[in-house]
Amino acid sequence: MYAIPHECPVCHGELNVTRLVCRECDTAIEGRFTTGPFARLSEEQLHFVEAFVRNEGKITRMEEDFGLSYPTIRSRLHEVIRALGYEPGKEGAAKLTEEERRRILEDLDNGKITSEEAMRMLEEG
């Protein structure tokens, strides 16, 4: 099976799903169906999101899973956020260095601080 293309190869407009077919009995349903925001993601980005969920959003575990550095994992997360139509936040946490942010997340992951404390530290950063 191929992934559903989300962009017209001619004009680059958004494609709509208009027909669904059952593989078992060949029943077809026609109409206009939404694919949702995740249809915009590449196969690699979907793999990243699946791993992110599996690792409960813990970047340190993502680093181990992918064998990549914290900045690379964060960069890939930002790519996914943008592909979903959002812009990664720059306020609050932007004042922290990557190392400070990493230390806070590691402390949270290791149970040294609560999620509320981590959020406060990241927002005040």
PDB file of N, CA and C in Angstrom:
ATOM      1  N   MET A   1       0.835  -1.185   0.000  1.00  0.00           N
ATOM      2  CA  MET A   1       0.000   0.000   0.000  1.00  0.00           C
ATOM      3  C   MET A   1       0.875   1.242   0.000  1.00  0.00           C
ATOM      4  N   TYR A   2       0.407   2.245  -0.682  1.00  0.00           N
ATOM      5  CA  TYR A   2       1.104   3.523  -0.736  1.00  0.00           C
ATOM      6  C   TYR A   2       0.455   4.500   0.232  1.00  0.00           C
ATOM      7  N   ALA A   3       1.229   5.451   0.714  1.00  0.00           N
ATOM      8  CA  ALA A   3       0.683   6.508   1.555  1.00  0.00           C
ATOM      9  C   ALA A   3      -0.189   7.421   0.697  1.00  0.00           C
ATOM     10  N   ILE A   4      -1.196   8.017   1.311  1.00  0.00           N
ATOM     11  CA  ILE A   4      -2.085   8.931   0.596  1.00  0.00           C
ATOM     12  C   ILE A   4      -1.315  10.208   0.282  1.00  0.00           C
ATOM     13  N   PRO A   5      -1.221  10.583  -0.994  1.00  0.00           N
ATOM     14  CA  PRO A   5      -0.574  11.871  -1.297  1.00  0.00           C
ATOM     15  C   PRO A   5      -1.485  12.997  -0.808  1.00  0.00           C
ATOM     16  N   HIS A   6      -0.903  14.051  -0.305  1.00  0.00           N
ATOM     17  CA  HIS A   6      -1.709  15.158   0.208  1.00  0.00           C
ATOM     18  C   HIS A   6      -1.611  16.402  -0.674  1.00  0.00           C
ATOM     19  N   GLU A   7      -0.775  16.334  -1.704  1.00  0.00           N
ATOM     20  CA  GLU A   7      -0.565  17.498  -2.558  1.00  0.00           C
ATOM     21  C   GLU A   7      -0.670  17.098  -4.028  1.00  0.00           C
ATOM     22  N   CYS A   8      -1.379  17.927  -4.808  1.00  0.00           N
ATOM     23  CA  CYS A   8      -1.523  17.683  -6.239  1.00  0.00           C
ATOM     24  C   CYS A   8      -0.161  17.817  -6.918  1.00  0.00           C
ATOM     25  N   PRO A   9       0.230  16.833  -7.735  1.00  0.00           N
ATOM     26  CA  PRO A   9       1.524  16.916  -8.407  1.00  0.00           C
ATOM     27  C   PRO A   9       1.567  17.982  -9.505  1.00  0.00           C
ATOM     28  N   VAL A  10       0.393  18.484  -9.932  1.00  0.00           N
ATOM     29  CA  VAL A  10       0.347  19.482 -10.998  1.00  0.00           C
ATOM     30  C   VAL A  10       0.391  20.901 -10.433  1.00  0.00           C
ATOM     31  N   CYS A  11      -0.573  21.224  -9.543  1.00  0.00           N
ATOM     32  CA  CYS A  11      -0.673  22.612  -9.054  1.00  0.00           C
ATOM     33  C   CYS A  11      -0.274  22.766  -7.593  1.00  0.00           C
ATOM     34  N   HIS A  12       0.037  21.659  -6.909  1.00  0.00           N
ATOM     35  CA  HIS A  12       0.433  21.626  -5.496  1.00  0.00           C
ATOM     36  C   HIS A  12      -0.698  22.006  -4.551  1.00  0.00           C
ATOM     37  N   GLY A  13      -1.945  21.951  -5.057  1.00  0.00           N
ATOM     38  CA  GLY A  13      -3.100  22.172  -4.195  1.00  0.00           C
ATOM     39  C   GLY A  13      -3.346  20.962  -3.312  1.00  0.00           C
ATOM     40  N   GLU A  14      -4.193  21.136  -2.306  1.00  0.00           N
ATOM     41  CA  GLU A  14      -4.510  20.051  -1.383  1.00  0.00           C
ATOM     42  C   GLU A  14      -5.437  19.044  -2.053  1.00  0.00           C
ATOM     43  N   LEU A  15      -5.117  17.755  -1.939  1.00  0.00           N
ATOM     44  CA  LEU A  15      -5.949  16.693  -2.501  1.00  0.00           C
ATOM     45  C   LEU A  15      -6.995  16.262  -1.471  1.00  0.00           C
ATOM     46  N   ASN A  16      -8.191  15.883  -1.947  1.00  0.00           N
ATOM     47  CA  ASN A  16      -9.258  15.376  -1.085  1.00  0.00           C
ATOM     48  C   ASN A  16      -9.459  13.894  -1.337  1.00  0.00           C
ATOM     49  N   VAL A  17      -9.720  13.168  -0.276  1.00  0.00           N
ATOM     50  CA  VAL A  17     -10.070  11.756  -0.392  1.00  0.00           C
ATOM     51  C   VAL A  17     -11.564  11.720  -0.694  1.00  0.00           C
ATOM     52  N   THR A  18     -11.944  11.050  -1.788  1.00  0.00           N
ATOM     53  CA  THR A  18     -13.355  11.030  -2.183  1.00  0.00           C
ATOM     54  C   THR A  18     -13.924   9.622  -2.295  1.00  0.00           C
ATOM     55  N   ARG A  19     -13.107   8.613  -2.132  1.00  0.00           N
ATOM     56  CA  ARG A  19     -13.618   7.240  -2.271  1.00  0.00           C
ATOM     57  C   ARG A  19     -12.866   6.322  -1.313  1.00  0.00           C
ATOM     58  N   LEU A  20     -13.626   5.511  -0.594  1.00  0.00           N
ATOM     59  CA  LEU A  20     -13.076   4.506   0.301  1.00  0.00           C
ATOM     60  C   LEU A  20     -13.600   3.151  -0.152  1.00  0.00           C
ATOM     61  N   VAL A  21     -12.730   2.144  -0.172  1.00  0.00           N
ATOM     62  CA  VAL A  21     -13.114   0.817  -0.628  1.00  0.00           C
ATOM     63  C   VAL A  21     -12.686  -0.220   0.403  1.00  0.00           C
ATOM     64  N   CYS A  22     -13.606  -1.136   0.730  1.00  0.00           N
ATOM     65  CA  CYS A  22     -13.311  -2.226   1.657  1.00  0.00           C
ATOM     66  C   CYS A  22     -12.512  -3.304   0.929  1.00  0.00           C
ATOM     67  N   ARG A  23     -11.396  -3.714   1.489  1.00  0.00           N
ATOM     68  CA  ARG A  23     -10.574  -4.761   0.876  1.00  0.00           C
ATOM     69  C   ARG A  23     -11.233  -6.132   0.963  1.00  0.00           C
ATOM     70  N   GLU A  24     -12.107  -6.316   1.946  1.00  0.00           N
ATOM     71  CA  GLU A  24     -12.741  -7.617   2.156  1.00  0.00           C
ATOM     72  C   GLU A  24     -13.882  -7.876   1.175  1.00  0.00           C
ATOM     73  N   CYS A  25     -14.828  -6.912   1.082  1.00  0.00           N
ATOM     74  CA  CYS A  25     -16.025  -7.173   0.282  1.00  0.00           C
ATOM     75  C   CYS A  25     -16.172  -6.254  -0.925  1.00  0.00           C
ATOM     76  N   ASP A  26     -15.220  -5.368  -1.116  1.00  0.00           N
ATOM     77  CA  ASP A  26     -15.204  -4.442  -2.251  1.00  0.00           C
ATOM     78  C   ASP A  26     -16.307  -3.382  -2.210  1.00  0.00           C
ATOM     79  N   THR A  27     -16.909  -3.162  -1.045  1.00  0.00           N
ATOM     80  CA  THR A  27     -17.886  -2.084  -0.895  1.00  0.00           C
ATOM     81  C   THR A  27     -17.154  -0.763  -1.045  1.00  0.00           C
ATOM     82  N   ALA A  28     -17.761   0.164  -1.764  1.00  0.00           N
ATOM     83  CA  ALA A  28     -17.160   1.485  -1.965  1.00  0.00           C
ATOM     84  C   ALA A  28     -18.076   2.551  -1.383  1.00  0.00           C
ATOM     85  N   ILE A  29     -17.477   3.536  -0.754  1.00  0.00           N
ATOM     86  CA  ILE A  29     -18.199   4.685  -0.206  1.00  0.00           C
ATOM     87  C   ILE A  29     -17.576   5.920  -0.833  1.00  0.00           C
ATOM     88  N   GLU A  30     -18.439   6.780  -1.393  1.00  0.00           N
ATOM     89  CA  GLU A  30     -17.943   7.997  -2.025  1.00  0.00           C
ATOM     90  C   GLU A  30     -18.446   9.229  -1.283  1.00  0.00           C
ATOM     91  N   GLY A  31     -17.640  10.244  -1.268  1.00  0.00           N
ATOM     92  CA  GLY A  31     -17.954  11.504  -0.600  1.00  0.00           C
ATOM     93  C   GLY A  31     -16.673  12.296  -0.442  1.00  0.00           C
ATOM     94  N   ARG A  32     -16.697  13.269   0.443  1.00  0.00           N
ATOM     95  CA  ARG A  32     -15.484  14.031   0.764  1.00  0.00           C
ATOM     96  C   ARG A  32     -15.095  13.703   2.184  1.00  0.00           C
ATOM     97  N   PHE A  33     -13.899  13.156   2.339  1.00  0.00           N
ATOM     98  CA  PHE A  33     -13.449  12.706   3.647  1.00  0.00           C
ATOM     99  C   PHE A  33     -12.196  13.474   4.053  1.00  0.00           C
ATOM    100  N   THR A  34     -12.122  13.792   5.324  1.00  0.00           N
ATOM    101  CA  THR A  34     -10.937  14.463   5.842  1.00  0.00           C
ATOM    102  C   THR A  34      -9.899  13.412   6.233  1.00  0.00           C
ATOM    103  N   THR A  35      -8.655  13.712   6.000  1.00  0.00           N
ATOM    104  CA  THR A  35      -7.580  12.793   6.366  1.00  0.00           C
ATOM    105  C   THR A  35      -6.929  13.189   7.681  1.00  0.00           C
ATOM    106  N   GLY A  36      -7.199  14.393   8.146  1.00  0.00           N
ATOM    107  CA  GLY A  36      -6.618  14.853   9.399  1.00  0.00           C
ATOM    108  C   GLY A  36      -5.229  15.432   9.199  1.00  0.00           C
ATOM    109  N   PRO A  37      -4.732  16.127  10.198  1.00  0.00           N
ATOM    110  CA  PRO A  37      -3.446  16.824  10.066  1.00  0.00           C
ATOM    111  C   PRO A  37      -2.250  15.895   9.915  1.00  0.00           C
ATOM    112  N   PHE A  38      -2.338  14.660  10.405  1.00  0.00           N
ATOM    113  CA  PHE A  38      -1.192  13.763  10.331  1.00  0.00           C
ATOM    114  C   PHE A  38      -0.932  13.260   8.915  1.00  0.00           C
ATOM    115  N   ALA A  39      -1.917  13.423   8.030  1.00  0.00           N
ATOM    116  CA  ALA A  39      -1.713  13.037   6.630  1.00  0.00           C
ATOM    117  C   ALA A  39      -0.680  13.923   5.955  1.00  0.00           C
ATOM    118  N   ARG A  40      -0.420  15.094   6.534  1.00  0.00           N
ATOM    119  CA  ARG A  40       0.575  16.020   5.978  1.00  0.00           C
ATOM    120  C   ARG A  40       2.006  15.591   6.269  1.00  0.00           C
ATOM    121  N   LEU A  41       2.172  14.663   7.207  1.00  0.00           N
ATOM    122  CA  LEU A  41       3.511  14.262   7.623  1.00  0.00           C
ATOM    123  C   LEU A  41       4.107  13.239   6.665  1.00  0.00           C
ATOM    124  N   SER A  42       5.416  13.344   6.490  1.00  0.00           N
ATOM    125  CA  SER A  42       6.136  12.354   5.683  1.00  0.00           C
ATOM    126  C   SER A  42       6.202  11.046   6.470  1.00  0.00           C
ATOM    127  N   GLU A  43       6.591   9.977   5.810  1.00  0.00           N
ATOM    128  CA  GLU A  43       6.725   8.685   6.479  1.00  0.00           C
ATOM    129  C   GLU A  43       7.742   8.773   7.622  1.00  0.00           C
ATOM    130  N   GLU A  44       8.831   9.492   7.384  1.00  0.00           N
ATOM    131  CA  GLU A  44       9.861   9.664   8.414  1.00  0.00           C
ATOM    132  C   GLU A  44       9.309  10.432   9.616  1.00  0.00           C
ATOM    133  N   GLN A  45       8.512  11.477   9.343  1.00  0.00           N
ATOM    134  CA  GLN A  45       7.926  12.260  10.430  1.00  0.00           C
ATOM    135  C   GLN A  45       6.907  11.440  11.221  1.00  0.00           C
ATOM    136  N   LEU A  46       6.129  10.607  10.538  1.00  0.00           N
ATOM    137  CA  LEU A  46       5.178   9.730  11.236  1.00  0.00           C
ATOM    138  C   LEU A  46       5.912   8.732  12.124  1.00  0.00           C
ATOM    139  N   HIS A  47       7.021   8.203  11.634  1.00  0.00           N
ATOM    140  CA  HIS A  47       7.848   7.289  12.427  1.00  0.00           C
ATOM    141  C   HIS A  47       8.348   8.006  13.684  1.00  0.00           C
ATOM    142  N   PHE A  48       8.766   9.262  13.530  1.00  0.00           N
ATOM    143  CA  PHE A  48       9.239  10.062  14.662  1.00  0.00           C
ATOM    144  C   PHE A  48       8.114  10.254  15.679  1.00  0.00           C
ATOM    145  N   VAL A  49       6.911  10.613  15.212  1.00  0.00           N
ATOM    146  CA  VAL A  49       5.773  10.834  16.108  1.00  0.00           C
ATOM    147  C   VAL A  49       5.425   9.543  16.856  1.00  0.00           C
ATOM    148  N   GLU A  50       5.444   8.416  16.156  1.00  0.00           N
ATOM    149  CA  GLU A  50       5.162   7.136  16.801  1.00  0.00           C
ATOM    150  C   GLU A  50       6.181   6.856  17.906  1.00  0.00           C
ATOM    151  N   ALA A  51       7.449   7.095  17.623  1.00  0.00           N
ATOM    152  CA  ALA A  51       8.500   6.886  18.626  1.00  0.00           C
ATOM    153  C   ALA A  51       8.340   7.868  19.785  1.00  0.00           C
ATOM    154  N   PHE A  52       7.957   9.101  19.489  1.00  0.00           N
ATOM    155  CA  PHE A  52       7.756  10.126  20.517  1.00  0.00           C
ATOM    156  C   PHE A  52       6.663   9.681  21.483  1.00  0.00           C
ATOM    157  N   VAL A  53       5.573   9.163  20.953  1.00  0.00           N
ATOM    158  CA  VAL A  53       4.476   8.685  21.791  1.00  0.00           C
ATOM    159  C   VAL A  53       4.919   7.455  22.585  1.00  0.00           C
ATOM    160  N   ARG A  54       5.595   6.520  21.914  1.00  0.00           N
ATOM    161  CA  ARG A  54       6.076   5.300  22.577  1.00  0.00           C
ATOM    162  C   ARG A  54       7.010   5.648  23.743  1.00  0.00           C
ATOM    163  N   ASN A  55       7.809   6.703  23.570  1.00  0.00           N
ATOM    164  CA  ASN A  55       8.754   7.138  24.604  1.00  0.00           C
ATOM    165  C   ASN A  55       8.155   8.169  25.546  1.00  0.00           C
ATOM    166  N   GLU A  56       6.837   8.325  25.492  1.00  0.00           N
ATOM    167  CA  GLU A  56       6.105   9.225  26.382  1.00  0.00           C
ATOM    168  C   GLU A  56       6.609  10.665  26.303  1.00  0.00           C
ATOM    169  N   GLY A  57       7.105  11.062  25.150  1.00  0.00           N
ATOM    170  CA  GLY A  57       7.560  12.431  24.951  1.00  0.00           C
ATOM    171  C   GLY A  57       8.873  12.764  25.641  1.00  0.00           C
ATOM    172  N   LYS A  58       9.570  11.765  26.116  1.00  0.00           N
ATOM    173  CA  LYS A  58      10.832  12.002  26.837  1.00  0.00           C
ATOM    174  C   LYS A  58      11.976  12.029  25.834  1.00  0.00           C
ATOM    175  N   ILE A  59      12.554  13.198  25.682  1.00  0.00           N
ATOM    176  CA  ILE A  59      13.583  13.398  24.669  1.00  0.00           C
ATOM    177  C   ILE A  59      14.825  12.567  24.960  1.00  0.00           C
ATOM    178  N   THR A  60      15.147  12.377  26.228  1.00  0.00           N
ATOM    179  CA  THR A  60      16.333  11.565  26.542  1.00  0.00           C
ATOM    180  C   THR A  60      16.151  10.136  26.043  1.00  0.00           C
ATOM    181  N   ARG A  61      14.935   9.610  26.131  1.00  0.00           N
ATOM    182  CA  ARG A  61      14.677   8.266  25.610  1.00  0.00           C
ATOM    183  C   ARG A  61      14.670   8.268  24.085  1.00  0.00           C
ATOM    184  N   MET A  62      14.244   9.374  23.491  1.00  0.00           N
ATOM    185  CA  MET A  62      14.275   9.502  22.028  1.00  0.00           C
ATOM    186  C   MET A  62      15.724   9.484  21.544  1.00  0.00           C
ATOM    187  N   GLU A  63      16.606  10.149  22.286  1.00  0.00           N
ATOM    188  CA  GLU A  63      18.027  10.160  21.930  1.00  0.00           C
ATOM    189  C   GLU A  63      18.563   8.734  21.856  1.00  0.00           C
ATOM    190  N   GLU A  64      18.220   7.909  22.862  1.00  0.00           N
ATOM    191  CA  GLU A  64      18.675   6.519  22.884  1.00  0.00           C
ATOM    192  C   GLU A  64      18.049   5.727  21.738  1.00  0.00           C
ATOM    193  N   ASP A  65      16.752   5.936  21.520  1.00  0.00           N
ATOM    194  CA  ASP A  65      16.016   5.194  20.498  1.00  0.00           C
ATOM    195  C   ASP A  65      16.574   5.455  19.098  1.00  0.00           C
ATOM    196  N   PHE A  66      16.871   6.720  18.800  1.00  0.00           N
ATOM    197  CA  PHE A  66      17.336   7.089  17.471  1.00  0.00           C
ATOM    198  C   PHE A  66      18.858   7.186  17.371  1.00  0.00           C
ATOM    199  N   GLY A  67      19.550   7.222  18.509  1.00  0.00           N
ATOM    200  CA  GLY A  67      20.993   7.381  18.492  1.00  0.00           C
ATOM    201  C   GLY A  67      21.411   8.762  18.011  1.00  0.00           C
ATOM    202  N   LEU A  68      20.578   9.766  18.352  1.00  0.00           N
ATOM    203  CA  LEU A  68      20.843  11.143  17.920  1.00  0.00           C
ATOM    204  C   LEU A  68      20.977  12.055  19.121  1.00  0.00           C
ATOM    205  N   SER A  69      21.552  13.237  18.905  1.00  0.00           N
ATOM    206  CA  SER A  69      21.745  14.205  19.975  1.00  0.00           C
ATOM    207  C   SER A  69      20.446  14.939  20.306  1.00  0.00           C
ATOM    208  N   TYR A  70      20.428  15.541  21.482  1.00  0.00           N
ATOM    209  CA  TYR A  70      19.272  16.328  21.924  1.00  0.00           C
ATOM    210  C   TYR A  70      18.891  17.400  20.897  1.00  0.00           C
ATOM    211  N   PRO A  71      19.843  18.217  20.413  1.00  0.00           N
ATOM    212  CA  PRO A  71      19.461  19.255  19.440  1.00  0.00           C
ATOM    213  C   PRO A  71      18.858  18.675  18.157  1.00  0.00           C
ATOM    214  N   THR A  72      19.341  17.516  17.724  1.00  0.00           N
ATOM    215  CA  THR A  72      18.800  16.893  16.509  1.00  0.00           C
ATOM    216  C   THR A  72      17.365  16.418  16.748  1.00  0.00           C
ATOM    217  N   ILE A  73      17.119  15.796  17.899  1.00  0.00           N
ATOM    218  CA  ILE A  73      15.763  15.346  18.226  1.00  0.00           C
ATOM    219  C   ILE A  73      14.829  16.544  18.312  1.00  0.00           C
ATOM    220  N   ARG A  74      15.268  17.579  18.959  1.00  0.00           N
ATOM    221  CA  ARG A  74      14.447  18.799  19.105  1.00  0.00           C
ATOM    222  C   ARG A  74      14.172  19.416  17.735  1.00  0.00           C
ATOM    223  N   SER A  75      15.161  19.436  16.860  1.00  0.00           N
ATOM    224  CA  SER A  75      14.989  19.969  15.516  1.00  0.00           C
ATOM    225  C   SER A  75      13.947  19.162  14.737  1.00  0.00           C
ATOM    226  N   ARG A  76      14.012  17.850  14.860  1.00  0.00           N
ATOM    227  CA  ARG A  76      13.025  16.996  14.179  1.00  0.00           C
ATOM    228  C   ARG A  76      11.624  17.218  14.744  1.00  0.00           C
ATOM    229  N   LEU A  77      11.541  17.414  16.050  1.00  0.00           N
ATOM    230  CA  LEU A  77      10.246  17.707  16.659  1.00  0.00           C
ATOM    231  C   LEU A  77       9.689  19.016  16.110  1.00  0.00           C
ATOM    232  N   HIS A  78      10.540  20.014  15.966  1.00  0.00           N
ATOM    233  CA  HIS A  78      10.111  21.299  15.402  1.00  0.00           C
ATOM    234  C   HIS A  78       9.650  21.142  13.957  1.00  0.00           C
ATOM    235  N   GLU A  79      10.304  20.272  13.196  1.00  0.00           N
ATOM    236  CA  GLU A  79       9.874  20.004  11.813  1.00  0.00           C
ATOM    237  C   GLU A  79       8.462  19.430  11.796  1.00  0.00           C
ATOM    238  N   VAL A  80       8.190  18.498  12.698  1.00  0.00           N
ATOM    239  CA  VAL A  80       6.854  17.892  12.781  1.00  0.00           C
ATOM    240  C   VAL A  80       5.834  18.940  13.184  1.00  0.00           C
ATOM    241  N   ILE A  81       6.165  19.766  14.158  1.00  0.00           N
ATOM    242  CA  ILE A  81       5.249  20.819  14.611  1.00  0.00           C
ATOM    243  C   ILE A  81       4.900  21.745  13.451  1.00  0.00           C
ATOM    244  N   ARG A  82       5.908  22.137  12.679  1.00  0.00           N
ATOM    245  CA  ARG A  82       5.663  23.017  11.522  1.00  0.00           C
ATOM    246  C   ARG A  82       4.835  22.316  10.450  1.00  0.00           C
ATOM    247  N   ALA A  83       5.114  21.027  10.204  1.00  0.00           N
ATOM    248  CA  ALA A  83       4.362  20.271   9.198  1.00  0.00           C
ATOM    249  C   ALA A  83       2.890  20.159   9.583  1.00  0.00           C
ATOM    250  N   LEU A  84       2.600  20.186  10.874  1.00  0.00           N
ATOM    251  CA  LEU A  84       1.212  20.136  11.341  1.00  0.00           C
ATOM    252  C   LEU A  84       0.547  21.513  11.300  1.00  0.00           C
ATOM    253  N   GLY A  85       1.302  22.528  10.890  1.00  0.00           N
ATOM    254  CA  GLY A  85       0.734  23.857  10.724  1.00  0.00           C
ATOM    255  C   GLY A  85       0.911  24.790  11.900  1.00  0.00           C
ATOM    256  N   TYR A  86       1.789  24.435  12.814  1.00  0.00           N
ATOM    257  CA  TYR A  86       2.038  25.272  13.993  1.00  0.00           C
ATOM    258  C   TYR A  86       3.462  25.797  13.945  1.00  0.00           C
ATOM    259  N   GLU A  87       3.716  26.802  14.755  1.00  0.00           N
ATOM    260  CA  GLU A  87       5.069  27.337  14.875  1.00  0.00           C
ATOM    261  C   GLU A  87       5.541  27.049  16.292  1.00  0.00           C
ATOM    262  N   PRO A  88       6.684  26.384  16.443  1.00  0.00           N
ATOM    263  CA  PRO A  88       7.182  26.103  17.801  1.00  0.00           C
ATOM    264  C   PRO A  88       7.321  27.387  18.606  1.00  0.00           C
ATOM    265  N   GLY A  89       6.904  27.345  19.866  1.00  0.00           N
ATOM    266  CA  GLY A  89       6.935  28.522  20.737  1.00  0.00           C
ATOM    267  C   GLY A  89       8.335  29.046  20.962  1.00  0.00           C
ATOM    268  N   LYS A  90       8.438  30.340  20.968  1.00  0.00           N
ATOM    269  CA  LYS A  90       9.736  30.972  21.188  1.00  0.00           C
ATOM    270  C   LYS A  90       9.768  31.740  22.506  1.00  0.00           C
ATOM    271  N   GLU A  91       8.610  31.939  23.138  1.00  0.00           N
ATOM    272  CA  GLU A  91       8.558  32.724  24.357  1.00  0.00           C
ATOM    273  C   GLU A  91       8.949  31.878  25.559  1.00  0.00           C
ATOM    274  N   GLY A  92       9.349  32.514  26.623  1.00  0.00           N
ATOM    275  CA  GLY A  92       9.651  31.827  27.878  1.00  0.00           C
ATOM    276  C   GLY A  92      10.898  30.978  27.788  1.00  0.00           C
ATOM    277  N   ALA A  93      10.765  29.778  27.286  1.00  0.00           N
ATOM    278  CA  ALA A  93      11.875  28.830  27.260  1.00  0.00           C
ATOM    279  C   ALA A  93      12.999  29.271  26.341  1.00  0.00           C
ATOM    280  N   ALA A  94      12.731  30.196  25.432  1.00  0.00           N
ATOM    281  CA  ALA A  94      13.750  30.631  24.486  1.00  0.00           C
ATOM    282  C   ALA A  94      14.924  31.313  25.181  1.00  0.00           C
ATOM    283  N   LYS A  95      14.730  31.789  26.412  1.00  0.00           N
ATOM    284  CA  LYS A  95      15.808  32.444  27.137  1.00  0.00           C
ATOM    285  C   LYS A  95      16.814  31.436  27.697  1.00  0.00           C
ATOM    286  N   LEU A  96      16.403  30.187  27.803  1.00  0.00           N
ATOM    287  CA  LEU A  96      17.291  29.149  28.304  1.00  0.00           C
ATOM    288  C   LEU A  96      18.206  28.645  27.192  1.00  0.00           C
ATOM    289  N   THR A  97      19.391  28.231  27.580  1.00  0.00           N
ATOM    290  CA  THR A  97      20.264  27.587  26.601  1.00  0.00           C
ATOM    291  C   THR A  97      19.766  26.166  26.386  1.00  0.00           C
ATOM    292  N   GLU A  98      20.216  25.536  25.316  1.00  0.00           N
ATOM    293  CA  GLU A  98      19.833  24.152  25.053  1.00  0.00           C
ATOM    294  C   GLU A  98      20.281  23.241  26.209  1.00  0.00           C
ATOM    295  N   GLU A  99      21.449  23.514  26.766  1.00  0.00           N
ATOM    296  CA  GLU A  99      21.963  22.695  27.867  1.00  0.00           C
ATOM    297  C   GLU A  99      21.109  22.856  29.125  1.00  0.00           C
ATOM    298  N   GLU A 100      20.672  24.079  29.423  1.00  0.00           N
ATOM    299  CA  GLU A 100      19.812  24.306  30.584  1.00  0.00           C
ATOM    300  C   GLU A 100      18.467  23.605  30.413  1.00  0.00           C
ATOM    301  N   ARG A 101      17.909  23.714  29.221  1.00  0.00           N
ATOM    302  CA  ARG A 101      16.637  23.053  28.922  1.00  0.00           C
ATOM    303  C   ARG A 101      16.792  21.534  29.039  1.00  0.00           C
ATOM    304  N   ARG A 102      17.891  21.029  28.540  1.00  0.00           N
ATOM    305  CA  ARG A 102      18.171  19.581  28.602  1.00  0.00           C
ATOM    306  C   ARG A 102      18.274  19.123  30.057  1.00  0.00           C
ATOM    307  N   ARG A 103      18.974  19.897  30.887  1.00  0.00           N
ATOM    308  CA  ARG A 103      19.138  19.537  32.304  1.00  0.00           C
ATOM    309  C   ARG A 103      17.779  19.475  32.998  1.00  0.00           C
ATOM    310  N   ILE A 104      16.911  20.445  32.714  1.00  0.00           N
ATOM    311  CA  ILE A 104      15.577  20.455  33.313  1.00  0.00           C
ATOM    312  C   ILE A 104      14.798  19.210  32.889  1.00  0.00           C
ATOM    313  N   LEU A 105      14.853  18.888  31.606  1.00  0.00           N
ATOM    314  CA  LEU A 105      14.126  17.720  31.106  1.00  0.00           C
ATOM    315  C   LEU A 105      14.695  16.411  31.662  1.00  0.00           C
ATOM    316  N   GLU A 106      16.013  16.352  31.831  1.00  0.00           N
ATOM    317  CA  GLU A 106      16.630  15.163  32.424  1.00  0.00           C
ATOM    318  C   GLU A 106      16.225  15.028  33.887  1.00  0.00           C
ATOM    319  N   ASP A 107      16.207  16.153  34.624  1.00  0.00           N
ATOM    320  CA  ASP A 107      15.774  16.128  36.024  1.00  0.00           C
ATOM    321  C   ASP A 107      14.329  15.653  36.130  1.00  0.00           C
ATOM    322  N   LEU A 108      13.495  16.108  35.208  1.00  0.00           N
ATOM    323  CA  LEU A 108      12.100  15.662  35.187  1.00  0.00           C
ATOM    324  C   LEU A 108      12.030  14.168  34.889  1.00  0.00           C
ATOM    325  N   ASP A 109      12.763  13.730  33.890  1.00  0.00           N
ATOM    326  CA  ASP A 109      12.779  12.324  33.496  1.00  0.00           C
ATOM    327  C   ASP A 109      13.269  11.424  34.632  1.00  0.00           C
ATOM    328  N   ASN A 110      14.229  11.922  35.416  1.00  0.00           N
ATOM    329  CA  ASN A 110      14.798  11.134  36.515  1.00  0.00           C
ATOM    330  C   ASN A 110      14.023  11.278  37.826  1.00  0.00           C
ATOM    331  N   GLY A 111      12.921  12.049  37.794  1.00  0.00           N
ATOM    332  CA  GLY A 111      12.089  12.212  38.980  1.00  0.00           C
ATOM    333  C   GLY A 111      12.644  13.164  40.017  1.00  0.00           C
ATOM    334  N   LYS A 112      13.652  13.951  39.661  1.00  0.00           N
ATOM    335  CA  LYS A 112      14.243  14.900  40.609  1.00  0.00           C
ATOM    336  C   LYS A 112      13.362  16.121  40.819  1.00  0.00           C
ATOM    337  N   ILE A 113      12.549  16.453  39.803  1.00  0.00           N
ATOM    338  CA  ILE A 113      11.614  17.568  39.902  1.00  0.00           C
ATOM    339  C   ILE A 113      10.261  17.111  39.359  1.00  0.00           C
ATOM    340  N   THR A 114       9.210  17.818  39.765  1.00  0.00           N
ATOM    341  CA  THR A 114       7.872  17.484  39.285  1.00  0.00           C
ATOM    342  C   THR A 114       7.632  18.152  37.934  1.00  0.00           C
ATOM    343  N   SER A 115       6.581  17.722  37.254  1.00  0.00           N
ATOM    344  CA  SER A 115       6.256  18.332  35.963  1.00  0.00           C
ATOM    345  C   SER A 115       5.902  19.805  36.141  1.00  0.00           C
ATOM    346  N   GLU A 116       5.248  20.137  37.263  1.00  0.00           N
ATOM    347  CA  GLU A 116       4.910  21.550  37.538  1.00  0.00           C
ATOM    348  C   GLU A 116       6.171  22.387  37.706  1.00  0.00           C
ATOM    349  N   GLU A 117       7.149  21.850  38.429  1.00  0.00           N
ATOM    350  CA  GLU A 117       8.411  22.564  38.614  1.00  0.00           C
ATOM    351  C   GLU A 117       9.124  22.745  37.266  1.00  0.00           C
ATOM    352  N   ALA A 118       9.127  21.689  36.461  1.00  0.00           N
ATOM    353  CA  ALA A 118       9.783  21.773  35.147  1.00  0.00           C
ATOM    354  C   ALA A 118       9.100  22.816  34.282  1.00  0.00           C
ATOM    355  N   MET A 119       7.772  22.824  34.253  1.00  0.00           N
ATOM    356  CA  MET A 119       7.039  23.807  33.449  1.00  0.00           C
ATOM    357  C   MET A 119       7.365  25.233  33.915  1.00  0.00           C
ATOM    358  N   ARG A 120       7.373  25.435  35.223  1.00  0.00           N
ATOM    359  CA  ARG A 120       7.669  26.760  35.763  1.00  0.00           C
ATOM    360  C   ARG A 120       9.077  27.191  35.364  1.00  0.00           C
ATOM    361  N   MET A 121      10.047  26.284  35.496  1.00  0.00           N
ATOM    362  CA  MET A 121      11.423  26.602  35.158  1.00  0.00           C
ATOM    363  C   MET A 121      11.566  26.918  33.674  1.00  0.00           C
ATOM    364  N   LEU A 122      10.888  26.152  32.824  1.00  0.00           N
ATOM    365  CA  LEU A 122      10.972  26.375  31.384  1.00  0.00           C
ATOM    366  C   LEU A 122      10.281  27.680  30.992  1.00  0.00           C
ATOM    367  N   GLU A 123       9.160  27.995  31.637  1.00  0.00           N
ATOM    368  CA  GLU A 123       8.443  29.227  31.316  1.00  0.00           C
ATOM    369  C   GLU A 123       9.174  30.475  31.815  1.00  0.00           C
ATOM    370  N   GLU A 124       9.789  30.364  32.996  1.00  0.00           N
ATOM    371  CA  GLU A 124      10.491  31.511  33.559  1.00  0.00           C
ATOM    372  C   GLU A 124      11.836  31.750  32.897  1.00  0.00           C
ATOM    373  N   GLY A 125      12.438  30.641  32.394  1.00  0.00           N
ATOM    374  CA  GLY A 125      13.746  30.639  31.761  1.00  0.00           C
ATOM    375  C   GLY A 125      14.149  31.923  31.237  1.00  0.00           C
TER     376      GLY A 125
END
